[in-house]
PDB file of all heavy atoms in Angstrom:
ATOM      1  N   VAL A   1      -4.983  87.390 -38.469  1.00  0.00           N
ATOM      2  CA  VAL A   1      -6.052  88.386 -38.571  1.00  0.00           C
ATOM      3  C   VAL A   1      -6.430  88.908 -37.190  1.00  0.00           C
ATOM      4  O   VAL A   1      -6.638  88.127 -36.257  1.00  0.00           O
ATOM      5  CB  VAL A   1      -7.309  87.798 -39.246  1.00  0.00           C
ATOM      6  CG1 VAL A   1      -8.410  88.859 -39.349  1.00  0.00           C
ATOM      7  CG2 VAL A   1      -6.972  87.251 -40.630  1.00  0.00           C
ATOM      8  N   MET A   2      -6.514  90.232 -37.080  1.00  0.00           N
ATOM      9  CA  MET A   2      -7.081  90.865 -35.887  1.00  0.00           C
ATOM     10  C   MET A   2      -8.390  91.532 -36.272  1.00  0.00           C
ATOM     11  O   MET A   2      -8.395  92.543 -36.977  1.00  0.00           O
ATOM     12  CB  MET A   2      -6.136  91.915 -35.281  1.00  0.00           C
ATOM     13  CG  MET A   2      -6.763  92.636 -34.074  1.00  0.00           C
ATOM     14  SD  MET A   2      -5.685  93.903 -33.348  1.00  0.00           S
ATOM     15  CE  MET A   2      -4.616  92.858 -32.350  1.00  0.00           C
ATOM     16  N   PRO A   3      -9.528  91.002 -35.839  1.00  0.00           N
ATOM     17  CA  PRO A   3     -10.816  91.645 -36.097  1.00  0.00           C
ATOM     18  C   PRO A   3     -11.093  92.722 -35.051  1.00  0.00           C
ATOM     19  O   PRO A   3     -10.722  92.565 -33.881  1.00  0.00           O
ATOM     20  CB  PRO A   3     -11.808  90.490 -35.972  1.00  0.00           C
ATOM     21  CG  PRO A   3     -11.175  89.563 -34.982  1.00  0.00           C
ATOM     22  CD  PRO A   3      -9.682  89.714 -35.158  1.00  0.00           C
ATOM     23  N   LEU A   4     -11.767  93.782 -35.466  1.00  0.00           N
ATOM     24  CA  LEU A   4     -12.056  94.893 -34.556  1.00  0.00           C
ATOM     25  C   LEU A   4     -13.512  94.927 -34.117  1.00  0.00           C
ATOM     26  O   LEU A   4     -14.018  95.958 -33.692  1.00  0.00           O
ATOM     27  CB  LEU A   4     -11.659  96.220 -35.214  1.00  0.00           C
ATOM     28  CG  LEU A   4     -10.165  96.351 -35.523  1.00  0.00           C
ATOM     29  CD1 LEU A   4      -9.876  97.691 -36.184  1.00  0.00           C
ATOM     30  CD2 LEU A   4      -9.324  96.165 -34.263  1.00  0.00           C
ATOM     31  N   SER A   5     -14.178  93.779 -34.242  1.00  0.00           N
ATOM     32  CA  SER A   5     -15.534  93.653 -33.690  1.00  0.00           C
ATOM     33  C   SER A   5     -15.731  92.227 -33.216  1.00  0.00           C
ATOM     34  O   SER A   5     -15.094  91.291 -33.727  1.00  0.00           O
ATOM     35  CB  SER A   5     -16.607  94.014 -34.723  1.00  0.00           C
ATOM     36  OG  SER A   5     -16.863  92.925 -35.596  1.00  0.00           O
ATOM     37  N   LEU A   6     -16.625  92.054 -32.247  1.00  0.00           N
ATOM     38  CA  LEU A   6     -16.914  90.707 -31.751  1.00  0.00           C
ATOM     39  C   LEU A   6     -17.677  89.888 -32.780  1.00  0.00           C
ATOM     40  O   LEU A   6     -17.569  88.664 -32.803  1.00  0.00           O
ATOM     41  CB  LEU A   6     -17.687  90.794 -30.438  1.00  0.00           C
ATOM     42  CG  LEU A   6     -16.940  91.463 -29.270  1.00  0.00           C
ATOM     43  CD1 LEU A   6     -17.768  91.368 -27.998  1.00  0.00           C
ATOM     44  CD2 LEU A   6     -15.560  90.846 -29.064  1.00  0.00           C
ATOM     45  N   HIS A   7     -18.452  90.559 -33.643  1.00  0.00           N
ATOM     46  CA  HIS A   7     -19.132  89.839 -34.729  1.00  0.00           C
ATOM     47  C   HIS A   7     -18.101  89.147 -35.624  1.00  0.00           C
ATOM     48  O   HIS A   7     -18.230  87.961 -35.950  1.00  0.00           O
ATOM     49  CB  HIS A   7     -19.974  90.798 -35.572  1.00  0.00           C
ATOM     50  CG  HIS A   7     -21.192  91.314 -34.905  1.00  0.00           C
ATOM     51  ND1 HIS A   7     -22.210  90.502 -34.450  1.00  0.00           N
ATOM     52  CD2 HIS A   7     -21.591  92.591 -34.617  1.00  0.00           C
ATOM     53  CE1 HIS A   7     -23.171  91.237 -33.911  1.00  0.00           C
ATOM     54  NE2 HIS A   7     -22.816  92.497 -33.997  1.00  0.00           N
ATOM     55  N   ALA A   8     -17.071  89.892 -36.040  1.00  0.00           N
ATOM     56  CA  ALA A   8     -16.042  89.332 -36.912  1.00  0.00           C
ATOM     57  C   ALA A   8     -15.193  88.310 -36.173  1.00  0.00           C
ATOM     58  O   ALA A   8     -14.785  87.297 -36.754  1.00  0.00           O
ATOM     59  CB  ALA A   8     -15.173  90.448 -37.476  1.00  0.00           C
ATOM     60  N   ALA A   9     -14.911  88.545 -34.891  1.00  0.00           N
ATOM     61  CA  ALA A   9     -14.140  87.583 -34.106  1.00  0.00           C
ATOM     62  C   ALA A   9     -14.871  86.242 -34.042  1.00  0.00           C
ATOM     63  O   ALA A   9     -14.262  85.173 -34.178  1.00  0.00           O
ATOM     64  CB  ALA A   9     -13.898  88.127 -32.703  1.00  0.00           C
ATOM     65  N   ASN A  10     -16.171  86.298 -33.858  1.00  0.00           N
ATOM     66  CA  ASN A  10     -16.964  85.077 -33.815  1.00  0.00           C
ATOM     67  C   ASN A  10     -16.925  84.348 -35.161  1.00  0.00           C
ATOM     68  O   ASN A  10     -16.841  83.113 -35.213  1.00  0.00           O
ATOM     69  CB  ASN A  10     -18.409  85.410 -33.453  1.00  0.00           C
ATOM     70  CG  ASN A  10     -19.264  84.174 -33.289  1.00  0.00           C
ATOM     71  OD1 ASN A  10     -18.982  83.317 -32.460  1.00  0.00           O
ATOM     72  ND2 ASN A  10     -20.318  84.074 -34.081  1.00  0.00           N
ATOM     73  N   ALA A  11     -16.940  85.108 -36.265  1.00  0.00           N
ATOM     74  CA  ALA A  11     -16.889  84.501 -37.599  1.00  0.00           C
ATOM     75  C   ALA A  11     -15.566  83.789 -37.840  1.00  0.00           C
ATOM     76  O   ALA A  11     -15.508  82.830 -38.610  1.00  0.00           O
ATOM     77  CB  ALA A  11     -17.110  85.572 -38.664  1.00  0.00           C
ATOM     78  N   LEU A  12     -14.503  84.241 -37.186  1.00  0.00           N
ATOM     79  CA  LEU A  12     -13.172  83.680 -37.412  1.00  0.00           C
ATOM     80  C   LEU A  12     -12.780  82.624 -36.376  1.00  0.00           C
ATOM     81  O   LEU A  12     -11.794  81.915 -36.561  1.00  0.00           O
ATOM     82  CB  LEU A  12     -12.134  84.800 -37.412  1.00  0.00           C
ATOM     83  CG  LEU A  12     -12.261  85.807 -38.560  1.00  0.00           C
ATOM     84  CD1 LEU A  12     -11.370  87.013 -38.312  1.00  0.00           C
ATOM     85  CD2 LEU A  12     -11.911  85.155 -39.884  1.00  0.00           C
ATOM     86  N   THR A  13     -13.532  82.526 -35.304  1.00  0.00           N
ATOM     87  CA  THR A  13     -13.221  81.553 -34.258  1.00  0.00           C
ATOM     88  C   THR A  13     -13.344  80.136 -34.815  1.00  0.00           C
ATOM     89  O   THR A  13     -14.332  79.789 -35.448  1.00  0.00           O
ATOM     90  CB  THR A  13     -14.169  81.729 -33.061  1.00  0.00           C
ATOM     91  OG1 THR A  13     -13.998  83.038 -32.524  1.00  0.00           O
ATOM     92  CG2 THR A  13     -13.879  80.700 -31.979  1.00  0.00           C
ATOM     93  N   GLY A  14     -12.321  79.334 -34.584  1.00  0.00           N
ATOM     94  CA  GLY A  14     -12.342  77.953 -35.052  1.00  0.00           C
ATOM     95  C   GLY A  14     -11.767  77.753 -36.431  1.00  0.00           C
ATOM     96  O   GLY A  14     -11.671  76.616 -36.904  1.00  0.00           O
ATOM     97  N   ALA A  15     -11.380  78.835 -37.123  1.00  0.00           N
ATOM     98  CA  ALA A  15     -10.752  78.708 -38.443  1.00  0.00           C
ATOM     99  C   ALA A  15      -9.381  78.061 -38.257  1.00  0.00           C
ATOM    100  O   ALA A  15      -8.499  78.631 -37.613  1.00  0.00           O
ATOM    101  CB  ALA A  15     -10.618  80.068 -39.100  1.00  0.00           C
ATOM    102  N   THR A  16      -9.188  76.873 -38.824  1.00  0.00           N
ATOM    103  CA  THR A  16      -8.023  76.057 -38.484  1.00  0.00           C
ATOM    104  C   THR A  16      -6.719  76.579 -39.053  1.00  0.00           C
ATOM    105  O   THR A  16      -5.667  76.444 -38.426  1.00  0.00           O
ATOM    106  CB  THR A  16      -8.244  74.612 -38.963  1.00  0.00           C
ATOM    107  OG1 THR A  16      -8.541  74.631 -40.368  1.00  0.00           O
ATOM    108  CG2 THR A  16      -9.410  73.967 -38.220  1.00  0.00           C
ATOM    109  N   GLY A  17      -6.716  77.190 -40.230  1.00  0.00           N
ATOM    110  CA  GLY A  17      -5.470  77.638 -40.831  1.00  0.00           C
ATOM    111  C   GLY A  17      -5.097  79.056 -40.492  1.00  0.00           C
ATOM    112  O   GLY A  17      -4.085  79.577 -40.961  1.00  0.00           O
ATOM    113  N   LEU A  18      -5.894  79.710 -39.680  1.00  0.00           N
ATOM    114  CA  LEU A  18      -5.768  81.143 -39.435  1.00  0.00           C
ATOM    115  C   LEU A  18      -5.307  81.400 -38.007  1.00  0.00           C
ATOM    116  O   LEU A  18      -5.778  80.747 -37.064  1.00  0.00           O
ATOM    117  CB  LEU A  18      -7.126  81.801 -39.702  1.00  0.00           C
ATOM    118  CG  LEU A  18      -7.269  83.309 -39.564  1.00  0.00           C
ATOM    119  CD1 LEU A  18      -8.213  83.835 -40.643  1.00  0.00           C
ATOM    120  CD2 LEU A  18      -7.852  83.642 -38.188  1.00  0.00           C
ATOM    121  N   THR A  19      -4.403  82.361 -37.843  1.00  0.00           N
ATOM    122  CA  THR A  19      -4.002  82.806 -36.510  1.00  0.00           C
ATOM    123  C   THR A  19      -4.850  84.011 -36.132  1.00  0.00           C
ATOM    124  O   THR A  19      -4.817  85.044 -36.814  1.00  0.00           O
ATOM    125  CB  THR A  19      -2.514  83.188 -36.477  1.00  0.00           C
ATOM    126  OG1 THR A  19      -1.727  82.052 -36.840  1.00  0.00           O
ATOM    127  CG2 THR A  19      -2.112  83.671 -35.093  1.00  0.00           C
ATOM    128  N   LEU A  20      -5.623  83.871 -35.075  1.00  0.00           N
ATOM    129  CA  LEU A  20      -6.567  84.915 -34.657  1.00  0.00           C
ATOM    130  C   LEU A  20      -5.993  85.704 -33.495  1.00  0.00           C
ATOM    131  O   LEU A  20      -5.621  85.137 -32.460  1.00  0.00           O
ATOM    132  CB  LEU A  20      -7.895  84.273 -34.256  1.00  0.00           C
ATOM    133  CG  LEU A  20      -9.002  85.205 -33.762  1.00  0.00           C
ATOM    134  CD1 LEU A  20      -9.422  86.183 -34.842  1.00  0.00           C
ATOM    135  CD2 LEU A  20     -10.203  84.378 -33.290  1.00  0.00           C
ATOM    136  N   LEU A  21      -5.899  87.028 -33.664  1.00  0.00           N
ATOM    137  CA  LEU A  21      -5.471  87.933 -32.602  1.00  0.00           C
ATOM    138  C   LEU A  21      -6.663  88.772 -32.162  1.00  0.00           C
ATOM    139  O   LEU A  21      -7.407  89.276 -33.008  1.00  0.00           O
ATOM    140  CB  LEU A  21      -4.362  88.861 -33.091  1.00  0.00           C
ATOM    141  CG  LEU A  21      -3.092  88.220 -33.651  1.00  0.00           C
ATOM    142  CD1 LEU A  21      -2.129  89.306 -34.110  1.00  0.00           C
ATOM    143  CD2 LEU A  21      -2.433  87.322 -32.616  1.00  0.00           C
ATOM    144  N   LEU A  22      -6.825  88.960 -30.861  1.00  0.00           N
ATOM    145  CA  LEU A  22      -7.941  89.752 -30.351  1.00  0.00           C
ATOM    146  C   LEU A  22      -7.411  90.973 -29.599  1.00  0.00           C
ATOM    147  O   LEU A  22      -6.569  90.835 -28.709  1.00  0.00           O
ATOM    148  CB  LEU A  22      -8.812  88.918 -29.415  1.00  0.00           C
ATOM    149  CG  LEU A  22      -9.530  87.725 -30.041  1.00  0.00           C
ATOM    150  CD1 LEU A  22     -10.322  86.965 -28.980  1.00  0.00           C
ATOM    151  CD2 LEU A  22     -10.448  88.180 -31.163  1.00  0.00           C
ATOM    152  N   PRO A  23      -7.899  92.169 -29.951  1.00  0.00           N
ATOM    153  CA  PRO A  23      -7.508  93.368 -29.206  1.00  0.00           C
ATOM    154  C   PRO A  23      -8.322  93.488 -27.925  1.00  0.00           C
ATOM    155  O   PRO A  23      -9.319  92.785 -27.737  1.00  0.00           O
ATOM    156  CB  PRO A  23      -7.867  94.496 -30.175  1.00  0.00           C
ATOM    157  CG  PRO A  23      -9.079  93.964 -30.891  1.00  0.00           C
ATOM    158  CD  PRO A  23      -8.851  92.474 -31.036  1.00  0.00           C
ATOM    159  N   GLY A  24      -7.896  94.365 -27.057  1.00  0.00           N
ATOM    160  CA  GLY A  24      -8.739  94.713 -25.932  1.00  0.00           C
ATOM    161  C   GLY A  24      -9.773  95.740 -26.370  1.00  0.00           C
ATOM    162  O   GLY A  24      -9.904  96.046 -27.553  1.00  0.00           O
ATOM    163  N   GLY A  25     -10.503  96.282 -25.420  1.00  0.00           N
ATOM    164  CA  GLY A  25     -11.439  97.351 -25.744  1.00  0.00           C
ATOM    165  C   GLY A  25     -12.840  97.107 -25.237  1.00  0.00           C
ATOM    166  O   GLY A  25     -13.148  96.049 -24.687  1.00  0.00           O
ATOM    167  N   ARG A  26     -13.682  98.101 -25.440  1.00  0.00           N
ATOM    168  CA  ARG A  26     -15.075  98.052 -25.000  1.00  0.00           C
ATOM    169  C   ARG A  26     -15.971  97.877 -26.218  1.00  0.00           C
ATOM    170  O   ARG A  26     -15.942  98.702 -27.134  1.00  0.00           O
ATOM    171  CB  ARG A  26     -15.440  99.351 -24.277  1.00  0.00           C
ATOM    172  CG  ARG A  26     -16.885  99.421 -23.793  1.00  0.00           C
ATOM    173  CD  ARG A  26     -17.127 100.722 -23.035  1.00  0.00           C
ATOM    174  NE  ARG A  26     -16.892 101.888 -23.881  1.00  0.00           N
ATOM    175  CZ  ARG A  26     -17.822 102.399 -24.701  1.00  0.00           C
ATOM    176  NH1 ARG A  26     -19.013 101.838 -24.800  1.00  0.00           N
ATOM    177  NH2 ARG A  26     -17.551 103.470 -25.433  1.00  0.00           N
ATOM    178  N   PRO A  27     -16.798  96.821 -26.267  1.00  0.00           N
ATOM    179  CA  PRO A  27     -17.692  96.645 -27.415  1.00  0.00           C
ATOM    180  C   PRO A  27     -18.884  97.599 -27.362  1.00  0.00           C
ATOM    181  O   PRO A  27     -19.531  97.729 -26.320  1.00  0.00           O
ATOM    182  CB  PRO A  27     -18.139  95.182 -27.309  1.00  0.00           C
ATOM    183  CG  PRO A  27     -17.924  94.803 -25.885  1.00  0.00           C
ATOM    184  CD  PRO A  27     -16.842  95.679 -25.351  1.00  0.00           C
ATOM    185  N   ARG A  28     -19.142  98.280 -28.472  1.00  0.00           N
ATOM    186  CA  ARG A  28     -20.324  99.134 -28.560  1.00  0.00           C
ATOM    187  C   ARG A  28     -21.563  98.258 -28.647  1.00  0.00           C
ATOM    188  O   ARG A  28     -21.584  97.278 -29.389  1.00  0.00           O
ATOM    189  CB  ARG A  28     -20.257 100.019 -29.801  1.00  0.00           C
ATOM    190  CG  ARG A  28     -19.203 101.105 -29.757  1.00  0.00           C
ATOM    191  CD  ARG A  28     -18.996 101.731 -31.124  1.00  0.00           C
ATOM    192  NE  ARG A  28     -20.241 102.208 -31.721  1.00  0.00           N
ATOM    193  CZ  ARG A  28     -20.397 102.425 -33.015  1.00  0.00           C
ATOM    194  NH1 ARG A  28     -19.408 102.174 -33.862  1.00  0.00           N
ATOM    195  NH2 ARG A  28     -21.538 102.875 -33.479  1.00  0.00           N
ATOM    196  N   PRO A  29     -22.630  98.593 -27.901  1.00  0.00           N
ATOM    197  CA  PRO A  29     -23.857  97.784 -27.942  1.00  0.00           C
ATOM    198  C   PRO A  29     -24.386  97.641 -29.363  1.00  0.00           C
ATOM    199  O   PRO A  29     -24.400  98.591 -30.139  1.00  0.00           O
ATOM    200  CB  PRO A  29     -24.827  98.590 -27.061  1.00  0.00           C
ATOM    201  CG  PRO A  29     -23.948  99.369 -26.135  1.00  0.00           C
ATOM    202  CD  PRO A  29     -22.730  99.715 -26.948  1.00  0.00           C
ATOM    203  N   GLY A  30     -24.820  96.427 -29.709  1.00  0.00           N
ATOM    204  CA  GLY A  30     -25.388  96.168 -31.023  1.00  0.00           C
ATOM    205  C   GLY A  30     -24.322  96.020 -32.082  1.00  0.00           C
ATOM    206  O   GLY A  30     -24.196  94.981 -32.724  1.00  0.00           O
ATOM    207  N   GLU A  31     -23.516  97.041 -32.253  1.00  0.00           N
ATOM    208  CA  GLU A  31     -22.448  97.042 -33.250  1.00  0.00           C
ATOM    209  C   GLU A  31     -21.355  96.043 -32.878  1.00  0.00           C
ATOM    210  O   GLU A  31     -20.731  95.429 -33.747  1.00  0.00           O
ATOM    211  CB  GLU A  31     -21.858  98.447 -33.363  1.00  0.00           C
ATOM    212  CG  GLU A  31     -21.009  98.680 -34.557  1.00  0.00           C
ATOM    213  CD  GLU A  31     -21.827  98.862 -35.815  1.00  0.00           C
ATOM    214  OE1 GLU A  31     -23.035  99.190 -35.715  1.00  0.00           O
ATOM    215  OE2 GLU A  31     -21.269  98.667 -36.895  1.00  0.00           O
ATOM    216  N   LEU A  32     -21.080  95.951 -31.566  1.00  0.00           N
ATOM    217  CA  LEU A  32     -20.011  95.100 -31.021  1.00  0.00           C
ATOM    218  C   LEU A  32     -18.635  95.455 -31.580  1.00  0.00           C
ATOM    219  O   LEU A  32     -17.724  94.628 -31.593  1.00  0.00           O
ATOM    220  CB  LEU A  32     -20.313  93.609 -31.231  1.00  0.00           C
ATOM    221  CG  LEU A  32     -21.591  93.087 -30.549  1.00  0.00           C
ATOM    222  CD1 LEU A  32     -21.697  91.581 -30.698  1.00  0.00           C
ATOM    223  CD2 LEU A  32     -21.651  93.497 -29.078  1.00  0.00           C
ATOM    224  N   ALA A  33     -18.493  96.690 -32.076  1.00  0.00           N
ATOM    225  CA  ALA A  33     -17.179  97.202 -32.476  1.00  0.00           C
ATOM    226  C   ALA A  33     -16.372  97.483 -31.218  1.00  0.00           C
ATOM    227  O   ALA A  33     -16.892  98.018 -30.237  1.00  0.00           O
ATOM    228  CB  ALA A  33     -17.349  98.475 -33.287  1.00  0.00           C
ATOM    229  N   LEU A  34     -15.102  97.133 -31.236  1.00  0.00           N
ATOM    230  CA  LEU A  34     -14.238  97.353 -30.086  1.00  0.00           C
ATOM    231  C   LEU A  34     -13.640  98.759 -30.160  1.00  0.00           C
ATOM    232  O   LEU A  34     -13.070  99.143 -31.186  1.00  0.00           O
ATOM    233  CB  LEU A  34     -13.140  96.298 -30.057  1.00  0.00           C
ATOM    234  CG  LEU A  34     -13.678  94.889 -29.802  1.00  0.00           C
ATOM    235  CD1 LEU A  34     -12.656  93.834 -30.193  1.00  0.00           C
ATOM    236  CD2 LEU A  34     -14.083  94.731 -28.343  1.00  0.00           C
ATOM    237  N   THR A  35     -13.789  99.515 -29.089  1.00  0.00           N
ATOM    238  CA  THR A  35     -13.340 100.904 -29.079  1.00  0.00           C
ATOM    239  C   THR A  35     -12.629 101.220 -27.768  1.00  0.00           C
ATOM    240  O   THR A  35     -12.649 100.438 -26.821  1.00  0.00           O
ATOM    241  CB  THR A  35     -14.525 101.881 -29.246  1.00  0.00           C
ATOM    242  OG1 THR A  35     -15.433 101.706 -28.145  1.00  0.00           O
ATOM    243  CG2 THR A  35     -15.267 101.638 -30.547  1.00  0.00           C
ATOM    244  N   GLY A  36     -12.002 102.382 -27.739  1.00  0.00           N
ATOM    245  CA  GLY A  36     -11.376 102.864 -26.517  1.00  0.00           C
ATOM    246  C   GLY A  36      -9.873 102.697 -26.505  1.00  0.00           C
ATOM    247  O   GLY A  36      -9.272 102.165 -27.447  1.00  0.00           O
ATOM    248  N   PRO A  37      -9.214 103.156 -25.438  1.00  0.00           N
ATOM    249  CA  PRO A  37      -7.751 103.172 -25.378  1.00  0.00           C
ATOM    250  C   PRO A  37      -7.116 101.786 -25.446  1.00  0.00           C
ATOM    251  O   PRO A  37      -6.005 101.646 -25.962  1.00  0.00           O
ATOM    252  CB  PRO A  37      -7.450 103.866 -24.046  1.00  0.00           C
ATOM    253  CG  PRO A  37      -8.730 103.806 -23.261  1.00  0.00           C
ATOM    254  CD  PRO A  37      -9.827 103.812 -24.257  1.00  0.00           C
TER     255      PRO A  37
END
């Protein structure tokens, strides 16, 4: 799973059976959605 927000990334951190991929990007304030090139 690749989440596109830090909120969702935090929810998936530590999930033992899941492979977590993190994109780069700039988190929008409050929303923490990752955006940009």
